[in-house]
Amino acid sequence: MSRLVHVVGAGLSGLAAAVQLQRRGARVVLHEAAQHAGGRCRSYFDPKLNATIDNGNHLVLSGNHATLAYARAIGAGDELSGPTQPEYPFSDLKTGARWTVRLSPGRLPKWVFDPHSRVPGTQPADYLSLAALLWAKPGRTIAQSMRARGRVWDALVRPLFLAVLNVEPSEGSALVAGNVLRETLLAGGQACRPLVAKNGLGHAFVDPALRLLQYGGAEIRLGARLAGIGFSGTDAKPRVSSLDFGDGVDTLAVAPADGVVLAVPPDVARTLVPDLTAPNEFRAIVNAHFAADPPLGFEPVTGLLNGTSHWLFAFDGRLSVTISDAGALLDMPREELARMLWREVANVTGNAAEPLPAWQIVAEKRATFAAIPSQESLRPATRTRWPNLMLAGDWTATGLPATIEGAIRSGQKAADLLMNPSTEQ
C-alpha cells in the first residue's frame, strides 16, 4: 500500500508538495483552512471590474526552473507567456525619460558594453559593484556589501531588488540578493525573460493542480483549519501521531508510516510546532487594477521610477500596478490612492487621466516575510525533529525571497525528503 501523506495548506507550496507526492506514488490528503486553494496566489471574480483578476501581480522568470516544471506537470505549461527577448522597459515618472534594458542571451554580459542595451548614462564599470553580492556574508545588508548608490543602483538594481525582496533594497539581505543574482543576471538573458500568467494565476498554478490531484485520487478538504498537532513517541523516535481539525472533534490519526507536510504561514506554523523559529516581520504589497485598455503594442511589464507605482502590468482590458514594501499606503483612502496611481498609469500609457476608470485596490498587509538579515536567520529548514513532519513555504530556508519559485521549491523539497528521508538536498 502506498504511503499516506497529509498536506496542510493549499497555497503554492502545499500544492507543489501534493503534486510531487502524488507523482512519487503517495496517497495525498490536502487540507486547506480557507474555502479556496491558492493562498496568496489566486484568481477571483471582481464584480466592480466585472472581470477575473489576481490578488496580486506575480512575475515569473524563464530561469525559474521549478516553477516551469510544476506548470508542465499540472498541464499548464502554456499558461505562462511573455516577450521573446529578455527586455525590460522603464519609464521615469519624474522626467518622462524612457529606455529598455536588453539583456544578452549568454552568460557573458555583453549587454553592459552596449550603450543601447544598458541603462542610459552608465558605463560598463558601473555594473561591477554587483559582483560583491556573490560573496556576501550572512547577516549583512545589501548596502553593507555593495555600493548602493549611483545611476545603476537607482535605475536598475534598486527597482529589481525592491520587487523580489519586498523591502527597501539597501536594508535587504545581501545573501538572498546574491542568490537571486546568481539565478538571474549571472545566468544570462535566457534565464531572465519575464513571464506572466496570461489567463490568471488560477489557470496557471491552482485549478490545473487541483484537477490533477483529484484525478489521481487525492482527497481535498477545503474549510479544514488545523487546530493542533499531536506528537508522540520517544526522544529517540519522535513522530506526529494526530492532526486536530476542530478542538478534538475532528481528529485524524497519523499512523507511524504516514507523513505530514505543513505548508502554512509562519505565524500559524509557530502555534502548531513547539519551539519553531520562523520569520515574524512582514511587508505589505498593494496592487491597483484599472478597467482600461493598454495602448496597442504596449509592453506587458514596465518598470516605473520616481513615483508611487513600481511596476505596470498590461493585460487585455486591464492595467495594473504593483507597489512593493507598501506599508505607508495601507491607511490612505482607497479612492484617493486609486486616483493618484491612475494619474501615473495615464502618464505612461497616454490614457486620459479623467475620468477615473473602474478600479480595485488589493492590499496584502502581510504579503511576504521581510527579507532582511535578522529575518533570514529565522527561516527554518525543511526537516523537523519529527521525521514524519516536513515544513514548506516561501518563508522556509530556500535561500530565495518570498517568490513563486521559492514556494514551489520548498513544497517539492518537502515531498522528496518525506518520500526518501535518507536523501539530503
Protein backbone atom coordinates (compact mmCIF):
# COMPACT_ATOMS: atom_id res chain seq x y z
CA MET A 1 0.00 0.00 0.00
CA SER A 2 1.31 3.46 -0.90
CA ARG A 3 2.23 5.89 1.85
CA LEU A 4 -0.43 8.29 3.10
CA VAL A 5 0.67 11.91 3.40
CA HIS A 6 -1.36 14.80 4.81
CA VAL A 7 -0.52 18.17 3.22
CA VAL A 8 -1.78 21.01 5.39
CA GLY A 9 -2.16 24.22 3.38
CA ALA A 10 -3.16 24.57 -0.28
CA GLY A 11 -1.10 27.61 -1.20
CA LEU A 12 1.51 27.15 -3.89
CA SER A 13 3.96 25.36 -1.60
CA GLY A 14 1.28 22.93 -0.45
CA LEU A 15 0.01 22.33 -4.00
CA ALA A 16 3.57 21.75 -5.22
CA ALA A 17 4.16 19.29 -2.38
CA ALA A 18 0.89 17.46 -3.07
CA VAL A 19 1.59 17.16 -6.81
CA GLN A 20 5.13 15.94 -6.18
CA LEU A 21 3.95 13.41 -3.58
CA GLN A 22 1.31 12.05 -5.90
CA ARG A 23 3.83 11.73 -8.72
CA ARG A 24 6.01 9.71 -6.37
CA GLY A 25 3.20 7.31 -5.55
CA ALA A 26 1.86 8.67 -2.27
CA ARG A 27 -1.80 8.85 -1.31
CA VAL A 28 -2.47 12.52 -0.62
CA VAL A 29 -4.98 14.27 1.61
CA LEU A 30 -4.85 18.04 1.11
CA HIS A 31 -6.28 20.20 3.91
CA GLU A 32 -6.95 23.94 3.50
CA ALA A 33 -8.39 26.31 6.09
CA ALA A 34 -9.99 28.62 3.51
CA GLN A 35 -12.80 27.73 1.13
CA HIS A 36 -10.44 28.09 -1.82
CA ALA A 37 -6.95 26.95 -2.75
CA GLY A 38 -4.05 29.14 -3.88
CA GLY A 39 -3.31 31.17 -0.77
CA ARG A 40 -1.70 34.47 -1.78
CA CYS A 41 -1.50 33.34 -5.40
CA ARG A 42 -5.03 33.01 -6.70
CA SER A 43 -7.64 34.49 -9.03
CA TYR A 44 -11.17 35.62 -8.27
CA PHE A 45 -14.05 37.41 -9.96
CA ASP A 46 -14.30 41.08 -9.02
CA PRO A 47 -17.81 42.48 -9.62
CA LYS A 48 -16.57 46.08 -9.53
CA LEU A 49 -14.34 45.45 -12.55
CA ASN A 50 -16.64 42.75 -13.97
CA ALA A 51 -13.54 40.68 -14.56
CA THR A 52 -11.47 37.90 -13.06
CA ILE A 53 -8.33 39.33 -11.52
CA ASP A 54 -5.41 38.04 -9.49
CA ASN A 55 -5.00 39.02 -5.86
CA GLY A 56 -1.52 40.20 -6.82
CA ASN A 57 0.62 40.74 -9.89
CA HIS A 58 3.24 38.00 -9.91
CA LEU A 59 6.17 37.82 -12.29
CA VAL A 60 7.97 34.60 -13.18
CA LEU A 61 11.31 34.39 -14.93
CA SER A 62 12.26 31.95 -17.68
CA GLY A 63 15.02 30.66 -15.40
CA ASN A 64 12.59 29.69 -12.62
CA HIS A 65 13.02 26.00 -13.39
CA ALA A 66 10.92 24.63 -10.51
CA THR A 67 8.00 26.87 -11.43
CA LEU A 68 8.11 25.96 -15.11
CA ALA A 69 8.45 22.24 -14.31
CA TYR A 70 5.48 22.45 -11.93
CA ALA A 71 3.38 24.21 -14.58
CA ARG A 72 4.23 21.49 -17.12
CA ALA A 73 3.49 18.74 -14.58
CA ILE A 74 -0.04 20.02 -13.99
CA GLY A 75 -0.65 20.58 -17.71
CA ALA A 76 -0.42 24.37 -17.63
CA GLY A 77 2.92 24.97 -19.32
CA ASP A 78 1.35 27.17 -22.00
CA GLU A 79 -0.32 29.46 -19.42
CA LEU A 80 2.88 31.45 -18.88
CA SER A 81 3.79 33.90 -21.61
CA GLY A 82 5.96 36.93 -22.18
CA PRO A 83 8.25 38.67 -24.62
CA THR A 84 10.55 36.51 -26.70
CA GLN A 85 13.58 38.52 -25.60
CA PRO A 86 14.85 39.35 -22.09
CA GLU A 87 13.95 43.02 -22.28
CA TYR A 88 12.79 45.35 -19.50
CA PRO A 89 11.30 48.74 -20.42
CA PHE A 90 11.49 51.51 -17.83
CA SER A 91 9.78 54.87 -17.54
CA ASP A 92 10.84 57.72 -15.27
CA LEU A 93 7.64 59.33 -13.99
CA LYS A 94 9.52 62.48 -12.92
CA THR A 95 11.48 63.27 -16.08
CA GLY A 96 9.48 61.38 -18.71
CA ALA A 97 12.59 59.53 -19.85
CA ARG A 98 12.10 56.01 -21.22
CA TRP A 99 14.55 53.25 -22.03
CA THR A 100 14.78 49.49 -22.32
CA VAL A 101 17.39 47.25 -20.71
CA ARG A 102 18.11 44.45 -23.19
CA LEU A 103 19.97 41.52 -21.66
CA SER A 104 22.21 39.43 -23.89
CA PRO A 105 21.31 35.74 -24.27
CA GLY A 106 24.50 34.09 -22.99
CA ARG A 107 26.22 34.15 -19.62
CA LEU A 108 28.71 36.73 -20.86
CA PRO A 109 27.04 40.08 -20.07
CA LYS A 110 27.62 41.68 -23.45
CA TRP A 111 24.67 43.99 -22.85
CA VAL A 112 26.63 46.14 -20.36
CA PHE A 113 29.04 47.04 -23.17
CA ASP A 114 26.24 48.18 -25.49
CA PRO A 115 25.01 51.73 -24.78
CA HIS A 116 21.70 50.85 -26.46
CA SER A 117 21.15 47.88 -24.12
CA ARG A 118 22.32 49.13 -20.73
CA VAL A 119 20.86 51.88 -18.58
CA PRO A 120 21.40 55.28 -20.26
CA GLY A 121 24.12 57.36 -18.64
CA THR A 122 26.05 54.37 -17.30
CA GLN A 123 29.37 52.75 -18.17
CA PRO A 124 30.32 49.04 -18.11
CA ALA A 125 32.45 49.50 -15.00
CA ASP A 126 29.41 50.77 -13.08
CA TYR A 127 27.97 47.26 -13.02
CA LEU A 128 30.98 45.68 -11.30
CA SER A 129 29.65 46.63 -7.87
CA LEU A 130 27.04 43.88 -8.20
CA ALA A 131 29.78 41.24 -8.02
CA ALA A 132 30.24 41.90 -4.29
CA LEU A 133 26.85 40.28 -3.64
CA LEU A 134 28.15 36.95 -4.89
CA TRP A 135 30.46 36.73 -1.87
CA ALA A 136 28.15 38.38 0.63
CA LYS A 137 28.40 37.12 4.20
CA PRO A 138 25.38 36.09 6.28
CA GLY A 139 23.94 38.84 8.44
CA ARG A 140 24.92 41.69 6.13
CA THR A 141 22.65 44.04 4.23
CA ILE A 142 22.97 44.89 0.57
CA ALA A 143 24.21 48.39 1.47
CA GLN A 144 26.92 46.82 3.66
CA SER A 145 28.04 44.63 0.79
CA MET A 146 27.95 46.83 -2.32
CA ARG A 147 27.75 50.46 -3.36
CA ALA A 148 24.04 51.22 -3.03
CA ARG A 149 24.01 54.47 -4.94
CA GLY A 150 24.60 55.82 -8.43
CA ARG A 151 22.77 55.54 -11.71
CA VAL A 152 22.89 51.72 -12.00
CA TRP A 153 21.53 51.39 -8.49
CA ASP A 154 18.76 53.95 -8.94
CA ALA A 155 17.62 52.90 -12.40
CA LEU A 156 18.07 49.11 -12.36
CA VAL A 157 19.32 47.38 -9.22
CA ARG A 158 17.06 49.06 -6.68
CA PRO A 159 13.84 48.55 -8.72
CA LEU A 160 14.64 44.88 -9.33
CA PHE A 161 15.58 44.07 -5.74
CA LEU A 162 12.62 46.04 -4.40
CA ALA A 163 10.35 43.81 -6.49
CA VAL A 164 11.87 40.49 -5.46
CA LEU A 165 12.76 41.23 -1.82
CA ASN A 166 9.75 43.45 -0.98
CA VAL A 167 11.87 45.55 1.39
CA GLU A 168 13.89 48.70 0.91
CA PRO A 169 16.78 47.11 -1.04
CA SER A 170 19.59 48.80 0.88
CA GLU A 171 18.26 47.06 4.02
CA GLY A 172 17.69 43.72 2.32
CA SER A 173 19.65 40.55 2.93
CA ALA A 174 22.80 40.54 0.81
CA LEU A 175 22.86 36.74 0.99
CA VAL A 176 19.40 36.41 -0.53
CA ALA A 177 20.16 39.12 -3.10
CA GLY A 178 23.31 37.24 -4.12
CA ASN A 179 21.32 34.06 -4.66
CA VAL A 180 18.83 35.95 -6.82
CA LEU A 181 21.70 37.47 -8.81
CA ARG A 182 23.20 34.02 -9.48
CA GLU A 183 19.93 32.71 -10.88
CA THR A 184 19.08 35.77 -12.97
CA LEU A 185 21.62 38.23 -14.37
CA LEU A 186 24.58 35.89 -13.82
CA ALA A 187 22.75 33.05 -15.58
CA GLY A 188 22.32 35.19 -18.68
CA GLY A 189 19.39 36.56 -20.58
CA GLN A 190 17.98 33.11 -21.30
CA ALA A 191 17.07 32.91 -17.60
CA CYS A 192 15.63 36.43 -17.36
CA ARG A 193 12.70 36.62 -19.75
CA PRO A 194 9.68 37.96 -17.79
CA LEU A 195 6.64 35.69 -17.86
CA VAL A 196 3.12 36.35 -16.59
CA ALA A 197 0.08 34.13 -16.20
CA LYS A 198 -1.80 35.24 -19.30
CA ASN A 199 -5.16 33.90 -18.10
CA GLY A 200 -4.61 34.49 -14.41
CA LEU A 201 -2.85 32.74 -11.56
CA GLY A 202 -5.72 30.33 -11.02
CA HIS A 203 -5.44 28.93 -14.55
CA ALA A 204 -1.66 28.75 -14.36
CA PHE A 205 -0.98 27.30 -10.92
CA VAL A 206 -4.08 26.37 -8.92
CA ASP A 207 -7.03 24.93 -10.85
CA PRO A 208 -4.99 22.50 -13.01
CA ALA A 209 -3.20 21.23 -9.88
CA LEU A 210 -6.50 20.56 -8.11
CA ARG A 211 -7.85 18.71 -11.15
CA LEU A 212 -4.69 16.62 -11.40
CA LEU A 213 -4.79 15.75 -7.70
CA GLN A 214 -8.46 14.81 -7.82
CA TYR A 215 -7.95 12.71 -10.94
CA GLY A 216 -5.12 10.90 -9.14
CA GLY A 217 -7.33 10.07 -6.18
CA ALA A 218 -6.27 12.77 -3.72
CA GLU A 219 -8.78 13.87 -1.10
CA ILE A 220 -9.16 17.66 -0.94
CA ARG A 221 -10.66 19.13 2.24
CA LEU A 222 -11.42 22.84 1.97
CA GLY A 223 -12.54 24.71 5.07
CA ALA A 224 -10.43 22.39 7.23
CA ARG A 225 -8.41 24.51 9.65
CA LEU A 226 -5.73 22.67 11.60
CA ALA A 227 -6.09 23.50 15.30
CA GLY A 228 -3.37 21.28 16.75
CA ILE A 229 -0.80 18.60 16.10
CA GLY A 230 -0.39 15.57 18.34
CA PHE A 231 3.17 14.41 18.98
CA SER A 232 4.20 11.08 20.48
CA GLY A 233 6.99 8.54 20.54
CA THR A 234 10.24 8.52 22.43
CA ASP A 235 13.04 11.07 22.37
CA ALA A 236 14.87 8.73 20.04
CA LYS A 237 11.88 8.18 17.75
CA PRO A 238 9.51 11.14 17.95
CA ARG A 239 6.71 11.50 15.42
CA VAL A 240 3.47 13.26 14.58
CA SER A 241 0.61 11.00 15.69
CA SER A 242 -2.53 13.07 15.09
CA LEU A 243 -3.99 16.16 13.43
CA ASP A 244 -6.78 18.02 15.21
CA PHE A 245 -9.11 19.96 12.91
CA GLY A 246 -11.63 21.13 15.48
CA ASP A 247 -10.99 21.16 19.21
CA GLY A 248 -10.63 17.40 19.30
CA VAL A 249 -13.92 16.78 17.48
CA ASP A 250 -12.36 16.16 14.08
CA THR A 251 -9.08 14.45 14.87
CA LEU A 252 -7.23 12.33 12.34
CA ALA A 253 -4.78 9.66 13.46
CA VAL A 254 -1.41 9.74 11.73
CA ALA A 255 -0.03 6.20 11.54
CA PRO A 256 3.70 5.58 12.03
CA ALA A 257 4.15 5.14 8.28
CA ASP A 258 2.19 8.28 7.39
CA GLY A 259 3.69 11.68 6.74
CA VAL A 260 2.73 15.34 7.14
CA VAL A 261 3.78 18.40 5.14
CA LEU A 262 2.96 21.61 6.99
CA ALA A 263 2.59 24.33 4.34
CA VAL A 264 1.01 27.17 6.30
CA PRO A 265 2.09 30.77 7.01
CA PRO A 266 4.90 31.18 9.55
CA ASP A 267 2.73 32.68 12.29
CA VAL A 268 0.37 29.70 12.04
CA ALA A 269 3.26 27.22 12.00
CA ARG A 270 4.65 28.70 15.21
CA THR A 271 1.37 27.98 17.02
CA LEU A 272 1.39 24.37 15.85
CA VAL A 273 5.04 23.28 16.11
CA PRO A 274 6.80 23.51 19.50
CA ASP A 275 9.86 25.76 19.69
CA LEU A 276 9.76 26.61 15.98
CA THR A 277 11.76 29.62 14.88
CA ALA A 278 10.25 31.43 11.91
CA PRO A 279 10.16 34.93 10.42
CA ASN A 280 7.96 37.29 12.41
CA GLU A 281 8.31 40.54 10.48
CA PHE A 282 6.35 41.12 7.30
CA ARG A 283 5.95 43.64 4.48
CA ALA A 284 2.89 44.77 2.55
CA ILE A 285 2.18 44.82 -1.18
CA VAL A 286 -0.51 46.97 -2.80
CA ASN A 287 -1.93 46.24 -6.25
CA ALA A 288 -4.27 48.52 -8.15
CA HIS A 289 -6.35 47.25 -11.07
CA PHE A 290 -7.98 49.55 -13.62
CA ALA A 291 -10.56 48.57 -16.24
CA ALA A 292 -8.76 50.26 -19.13
CA ASP A 293 -7.20 49.01 -22.34
CA PRO A 294 -3.44 49.38 -22.74
CA PRO A 295 -2.20 51.06 -25.92
CA LEU A 296 -1.68 48.78 -28.90
CA GLY A 297 1.67 47.04 -28.61
CA PHE A 298 2.30 48.22 -25.05
CA GLU A 299 4.82 46.05 -23.21
CA PRO A 300 3.34 43.52 -20.74
CA VAL A 301 5.61 44.67 -17.88
CA THR A 302 7.18 48.12 -17.38
CA GLY A 303 9.32 49.34 -14.51
CA LEU A 304 8.37 52.76 -13.11
CA LEU A 305 10.80 55.10 -11.36
CA ASN A 306 10.35 58.17 -9.16
CA GLY A 307 6.67 57.61 -8.43
CA THR A 308 4.45 55.67 -6.11
CA SER A 309 3.90 52.83 -8.59
CA HIS A 310 6.78 50.41 -9.08
CA TRP A 311 5.67 48.09 -11.91
CA LEU A 312 2.95 48.39 -14.53
CA PHE A 313 1.32 45.26 -15.97
CA ALA A 314 -0.72 45.37 -19.17
CA PHE A 315 -3.48 42.80 -19.75
CA ASP A 316 -6.37 42.62 -22.18
CA GLY A 317 -8.84 45.20 -20.91
CA ARG A 318 -6.91 45.92 -17.74
CA LEU A 319 -3.92 47.89 -16.49
CA SER A 320 -2.48 47.01 -13.08
CA VAL A 321 0.25 48.45 -10.93
CA THR A 322 2.19 46.93 -8.06
CA ILE A 323 3.76 48.78 -5.14
CA SER A 324 6.23 46.82 -3.02
CA ASP A 325 7.03 47.48 0.65
CA ALA A 326 3.77 49.43 0.68
CA GLY A 327 3.04 49.72 4.39
CA ALA A 328 2.89 53.52 4.17
CA LEU A 329 -0.09 53.30 1.81
CA LEU A 330 -2.32 50.98 3.84
CA ASP A 331 -4.14 53.76 5.69
CA MET A 332 -4.58 56.02 2.67
CA PRO A 333 -8.22 56.45 1.50
CA ARG A 334 -8.74 53.95 -1.30
CA GLU A 335 -10.22 56.31 -3.88
CA GLU A 336 -7.51 58.88 -3.25
CA LEU A 337 -4.90 56.19 -3.75
CA ALA A 338 -6.62 54.93 -6.90
CA ARG A 339 -6.68 58.44 -8.41
CA MET A 340 -3.02 59.02 -7.61
CA LEU A 341 -1.97 55.71 -9.15
CA TRP A 342 -4.16 56.17 -12.21
CA ARG A 343 -2.52 59.53 -12.93
CA GLU A 344 0.83 57.72 -13.01
CA VAL A 345 -0.56 54.99 -15.28
CA ALA A 346 -2.11 57.55 -17.63
CA ASN A 347 1.19 59.43 -17.72
CA VAL A 348 2.97 56.33 -19.02
CA THR A 349 0.31 54.88 -21.31
CA GLY A 350 -1.20 58.05 -22.75
CA ASN A 351 -4.69 57.19 -21.48
CA ALA A 352 -6.91 60.05 -20.35
CA ALA A 353 -6.36 60.97 -16.72
CA GLU A 354 -10.08 61.73 -16.35
CA PRO A 355 -12.50 60.21 -15.77
CA LEU A 356 -11.10 57.62 -13.38
CA PRO A 357 -11.94 54.17 -14.82
CA ALA A 358 -13.43 51.40 -12.73
CA TRP A 359 -10.77 50.36 -10.25
CA GLN A 360 -9.96 47.97 -7.46
CA ILE A 361 -7.28 48.16 -4.77
CA VAL A 362 -5.97 44.88 -3.36
CA ALA A 363 -3.74 45.30 -0.31
CA GLU A 364 -1.87 42.41 1.30
CA LYS A 365 -0.70 43.68 4.69
CA ARG A 366 1.45 40.60 5.36
CA ALA A 367 2.30 39.73 1.78
CA THR A 368 5.82 38.43 2.42
CA PHE A 369 8.26 37.98 5.23
CA ALA A 370 10.78 40.81 5.44
CA ALA A 371 13.85 39.70 3.50
CA ILE A 372 16.31 41.38 5.87
CA PRO A 373 19.27 39.71 7.62
CA SER A 374 17.62 39.34 11.00
CA GLN A 375 14.61 37.58 9.46
CA GLU A 376 16.70 35.45 7.13
CA SER A 377 18.37 33.92 10.18
CA LEU A 378 14.95 32.80 11.50
CA ARG A 379 13.97 30.76 8.46
CA PRO A 380 13.71 27.08 9.43
CA ALA A 381 14.91 24.06 7.48
CA THR A 382 12.51 21.72 5.72
CA ARG A 383 13.20 18.90 8.17
CA THR A 384 11.94 18.99 11.72
CA ARG A 385 12.94 16.85 14.69
CA TRP A 386 9.90 14.69 13.89
CA PRO A 387 10.93 12.54 10.90
CA ASN A 388 7.39 12.35 9.52
CA LEU A 389 6.86 16.14 9.60
CA MET A 390 8.27 18.48 6.94
CA LEU A 391 7.84 22.23 6.56
CA ALA A 392 7.08 24.01 3.30
CA GLY A 393 6.56 27.64 2.39
CA ASP A 394 8.41 30.52 0.81
CA TRP A 395 9.39 31.56 4.37
CA THR A 396 11.44 28.41 4.97
CA ALA A 397 15.18 28.29 4.27
CA THR A 398 15.05 28.19 0.48
CA GLY A 399 17.79 30.79 0.07
CA LEU A 400 15.38 32.78 -2.09
CA PRO A 401 13.00 35.61 -1.20
CA ALA A 402 9.25 35.04 -0.88
CA THR A 403 8.53 34.28 -4.52
CA ILE A 404 6.56 31.73 -6.51
CA GLU A 405 9.81 29.92 -7.29
CA GLY A 406 10.76 29.71 -3.61
CA ALA A 407 7.31 28.45 -2.62
CA ILE A 408 7.28 25.71 -5.25
CA ARG A 409 10.82 24.60 -4.50
CA SER A 410 10.00 24.35 -0.80
CA GLY A 411 6.98 22.13 -1.46
CA GLN A 412 8.84 19.86 -3.82
CA LYS A 413 11.75 19.51 -1.40
CA ALA A 414 9.42 18.66 1.49
CA ALA A 415 7.78 15.96 -0.62
CA ASP A 416 11.08 14.47 -1.78
CA LEU A 417 12.56 14.36 1.72
CA LEU A 418 9.43 12.76 3.12
CA MET A 419 9.37 10.08 0.45
CA ASN A 420 13.12 9.49 0.63
CA PRO A 421 14.27 10.58 4.10
CA SER A 422 17.83 9.37 3.58
CA THR A 423 18.33 11.92 0.81
CA GLU A 424 19.90 15.25 1.73
CA GLN A 425 19.02 18.17 -0.52
